[in-house]
């Protein structure tokens, strides 16, 4: 008999760790847009459209991780 027993799925812990990557990725995408806008304000529109595409790609990784966490369990 142990004093501490962990119950539940380890997939949740794995997804929690996997969500760190997309969080950092989104931060880097928008940090680059802010820096680019500070350097060239007239290019803000084209940078924002590219940033939204980058945001969608990075968030797709998080959604795939969430789907796999449920599929494996």
N, C-alpha and C. Protein backbone atom coordinates (compact mmCIF):
# COMPACT_ATOMS: atom_id res chain seq x y z
N UNK A 1 0.84 -1.18 0.00
CA UNK A 1 0.00 0.00 0.00
C UNK A 1 0.89 1.24 0.00
N UNK A 2 0.60 2.13 -0.92
CA UNK A 2 1.39 3.36 -0.99
C UNK A 2 0.63 4.51 -0.38
N UNK A 3 1.37 5.51 0.04
CA UNK A 3 0.75 6.69 0.63
C UNK A 3 0.14 7.61 -0.43
N UNK A 4 0.74 7.61 -1.58
CA UNK A 4 0.27 8.49 -2.66
C UNK A 4 -0.05 7.64 -3.88
N UNK A 5 -1.27 7.72 -4.33
CA UNK A 5 -1.68 6.96 -5.50
C UNK A 5 -2.18 7.92 -6.56
N UNK A 6 -1.63 7.80 -7.74
CA UNK A 6 -2.03 8.66 -8.85
C UNK A 6 -3.04 7.90 -9.70
N UNK A 7 -4.18 8.51 -9.88
CA UNK A 7 -5.20 7.90 -10.73
C UNK A 7 -5.49 8.83 -11.90
N UNK A 8 -6.01 8.28 -12.96
CA UNK A 8 -6.35 9.08 -14.13
C UNK A 8 -5.48 8.70 -15.30
N UNK A 9 -5.55 9.51 -16.31
CA UNK A 9 -4.84 9.23 -17.54
C UNK A 9 -3.56 10.06 -17.62
N UNK A 10 -2.49 9.42 -18.01
CA UNK A 10 -1.23 10.14 -18.20
C UNK A 10 -1.25 10.95 -19.49
N UNK A 11 -2.24 10.71 -20.35
CA UNK A 11 -2.34 11.48 -21.59
C UNK A 11 -2.58 12.95 -21.29
N UNK A 12 -3.28 13.25 -20.20
CA UNK A 12 -3.54 14.63 -19.85
C UNK A 12 -2.25 15.35 -19.50
N UNK A 13 -1.36 14.67 -18.79
CA UNK A 13 -0.07 15.26 -18.45
C UNK A 13 0.75 15.47 -19.72
N UNK A 14 0.71 14.49 -20.61
CA UNK A 14 1.43 14.62 -21.88
C UNK A 14 0.92 15.77 -22.71
N UNK A 15 -0.40 15.95 -22.76
CA UNK A 15 -0.94 17.06 -23.53
C UNK A 15 -0.59 18.39 -22.87
N UNK A 16 -0.61 18.42 -21.56
CA UNK A 16 -0.22 19.66 -20.87
C UNK A 16 1.20 20.06 -21.20
N UNK A 17 2.09 19.10 -21.26
CA UNK A 17 3.48 19.39 -21.64
C UNK A 17 3.58 19.75 -23.12
N UNK A 18 2.77 19.11 -23.94
CA UNK A 18 2.81 19.38 -25.38
C UNK A 18 2.22 20.75 -25.71
N UNK A 19 1.37 21.28 -24.85
CA UNK A 19 0.76 22.59 -25.11
C UNK A 19 1.75 23.73 -24.88
N UNK A 20 2.87 23.45 -24.24
CA UNK A 20 3.88 24.48 -24.02
C UNK A 20 4.47 24.93 -25.35
N UNK A 21 4.71 23.99 -26.26
CA UNK A 21 5.30 24.32 -27.56
C UNK A 21 4.46 25.29 -28.38
N UNK A 22 3.17 25.00 -28.60
CA UNK A 22 2.34 25.95 -29.33
C UNK A 22 2.20 27.30 -28.62
N UNK A 23 2.21 27.29 -27.30
CA UNK A 23 2.14 28.56 -26.57
C UNK A 23 3.35 29.42 -26.85
N UNK A 24 4.51 28.82 -26.85
CA UNK A 24 5.74 29.56 -27.17
C UNK A 24 5.74 29.97 -28.64
N UNK A 25 5.23 29.09 -29.52
CA UNK A 25 5.18 29.41 -30.94
C UNK A 25 4.30 30.61 -31.24
N UNK A 26 3.13 30.68 -30.61
CA UNK A 26 2.23 31.83 -30.81
C UNK A 26 2.89 33.10 -30.30
N UNK A 27 3.56 33.00 -29.16
CA UNK A 27 4.26 34.18 -28.62
C UNK A 27 5.34 34.67 -29.57
N UNK A 28 6.08 33.75 -30.17
CA UNK A 28 7.14 34.14 -31.10
C UNK A 28 6.58 34.76 -32.38
N UNK A 29 5.45 34.22 -32.87
CA UNK A 29 4.85 34.76 -34.09
C UNK A 29 4.43 36.21 -33.87
N UNK A 30 3.71 36.47 -32.80
CA UNK A 30 3.22 37.83 -32.60
C UNK A 30 4.31 38.78 -32.09
N UNK A 31 5.34 38.26 -31.42
CA UNK A 31 6.47 39.11 -31.05
C UNK A 31 7.21 39.59 -32.30
N UNK A 32 7.30 38.72 -33.29
CA UNK A 32 7.95 39.11 -34.55
C UNK A 32 7.13 40.17 -35.28
N UNK A 33 5.81 40.04 -35.23
CA UNK A 33 4.96 41.05 -35.87
C UNK A 33 5.10 42.39 -35.18
N UNK A 34 5.17 42.39 -33.87
CA UNK A 34 5.32 43.64 -33.13
C UNK A 34 6.66 44.29 -33.45
N UNK A 35 7.72 43.50 -33.52
CA UNK A 35 9.03 44.05 -33.86
C UNK A 35 9.04 44.57 -35.29
N UNK A 36 8.43 43.82 -36.21
CA UNK A 36 8.39 44.27 -37.60
C UNK A 36 7.57 45.54 -37.78
N UNK A 37 6.48 45.66 -37.04
CA UNK A 37 5.66 46.87 -37.10
C UNK A 37 6.41 48.07 -36.53
N UNK A 38 7.20 47.82 -35.51
CA UNK A 38 7.99 48.91 -34.94
C UNK A 38 9.06 49.39 -35.93
N UNK A 39 9.58 48.48 -36.73
CA UNK A 39 10.61 48.86 -37.70
C UNK A 39 10.02 49.47 -38.97
N UNK A 40 8.92 48.87 -39.47
CA UNK A 40 8.29 49.36 -40.69
C UNK A 40 6.78 49.40 -40.49
N UNK A 41 6.26 50.51 -39.99
CA UNK A 41 4.81 50.58 -39.73
C UNK A 41 3.95 50.42 -40.98
N UNK A 42 4.46 50.77 -42.13
CA UNK A 42 3.65 50.70 -43.35
C UNK A 42 3.44 49.26 -43.80
N UNK A 43 4.21 48.32 -43.30
CA UNK A 43 4.08 46.92 -43.70
C UNK A 43 3.24 46.11 -42.71
N UNK A 44 2.49 46.79 -41.86
CA UNK A 44 1.73 46.09 -40.82
C UNK A 44 0.68 45.15 -41.42
N UNK A 45 -0.01 45.57 -42.46
CA UNK A 45 -1.07 44.75 -43.05
C UNK A 45 -0.57 43.42 -43.58
N UNK A 46 0.52 43.45 -44.31
CA UNK A 46 1.05 42.20 -44.86
C UNK A 46 1.64 41.31 -43.77
N UNK A 47 2.22 41.93 -42.74
CA UNK A 47 2.74 41.12 -41.65
C UNK A 47 1.63 40.47 -40.83
N UNK A 48 0.53 41.18 -40.66
CA UNK A 48 -0.57 40.60 -39.88
C UNK A 48 -1.23 39.44 -40.60
N UNK A 49 -1.36 39.55 -41.91
CA UNK A 49 -1.95 38.43 -42.65
C UNK A 49 -1.06 37.19 -42.56
N UNK A 50 0.24 37.39 -42.64
CA UNK A 50 1.17 36.27 -42.49
C UNK A 50 1.15 35.74 -41.07
N UNK A 51 0.98 36.64 -40.10
CA UNK A 51 0.94 36.22 -38.70
C UNK A 51 -0.28 35.35 -38.41
N UNK A 52 -1.42 35.69 -39.01
CA UNK A 52 -2.62 34.88 -38.76
C UNK A 52 -2.47 33.48 -39.35
N UNK A 53 -1.78 33.38 -40.49
CA UNK A 53 -1.52 32.07 -41.07
C UNK A 53 -0.58 31.27 -40.16
N UNK A 54 0.47 31.92 -39.66
CA UNK A 54 1.39 31.26 -38.74
C UNK A 54 0.70 30.85 -37.46
N UNK A 55 -0.19 31.70 -36.96
CA UNK A 55 -0.96 31.38 -35.75
C UNK A 55 -1.82 30.15 -35.97
N UNK A 56 -2.47 30.06 -37.12
CA UNK A 56 -3.33 28.91 -37.41
C UNK A 56 -2.52 27.62 -37.51
N UNK A 57 -1.35 27.69 -38.11
CA UNK A 57 -0.52 26.50 -38.24
C UNK A 57 -0.03 26.02 -36.87
N UNK A 58 0.39 26.96 -36.04
CA UNK A 58 0.88 26.60 -34.71
C UNK A 58 -0.25 26.04 -33.85
N UNK A 59 -1.42 26.64 -33.92
CA UNK A 59 -2.54 26.16 -33.12
C UNK A 59 -3.06 24.82 -33.63
N UNK A 60 -2.86 24.53 -34.90
CA UNK A 60 -3.25 23.22 -35.42
C UNK A 60 -2.46 22.11 -34.74
N UNK A 61 -1.21 22.39 -34.39
CA UNK A 61 -0.42 21.40 -33.67
C UNK A 61 -1.02 21.11 -32.30
N UNK A 62 -1.50 22.15 -31.63
CA UNK A 62 -2.12 21.95 -30.32
C UNK A 62 -3.42 21.15 -30.46
N UNK A 63 -4.18 21.41 -31.49
CA UNK A 63 -5.44 20.69 -31.69
C UNK A 63 -5.17 19.22 -32.03
N UNK A 64 -4.13 18.96 -32.82
CA UNK A 64 -3.76 17.57 -33.11
C UNK A 64 -3.35 16.85 -31.83
N UNK A 65 -2.61 17.53 -30.97
CA UNK A 65 -2.20 16.94 -29.70
C UNK A 65 -3.39 16.63 -28.82
N UNK A 66 -4.36 17.52 -28.79
CA UNK A 66 -5.56 17.28 -28.00
C UNK A 66 -6.36 16.09 -28.55
N UNK A 67 -6.47 16.02 -29.86
CA UNK A 67 -7.18 14.90 -30.48
C UNK A 67 -6.47 13.57 -30.20
N UNK A 68 -5.15 13.57 -30.25
CA UNK A 68 -4.41 12.35 -29.96
C UNK A 68 -4.52 11.95 -28.49
N UNK A 69 -4.58 12.94 -27.60
CA UNK A 69 -4.73 12.63 -26.18
C UNK A 69 -6.03 11.90 -25.92
N UNK A 70 -7.10 12.29 -26.62
CA UNK A 70 -8.37 11.59 -26.46
C UNK A 70 -8.41 10.28 -27.22
N UNK A 71 -7.76 10.23 -28.37
CA UNK A 71 -7.80 9.02 -29.19
C UNK A 71 -7.01 7.88 -28.56
N UNK A 72 -5.91 8.20 -27.92
CA UNK A 72 -5.07 7.16 -27.34
C UNK A 72 -5.68 6.61 -26.06
N UNK A 73 -6.38 7.45 -25.32
CA UNK A 73 -6.94 6.98 -24.05
C UNK A 73 -8.17 6.18 -24.28
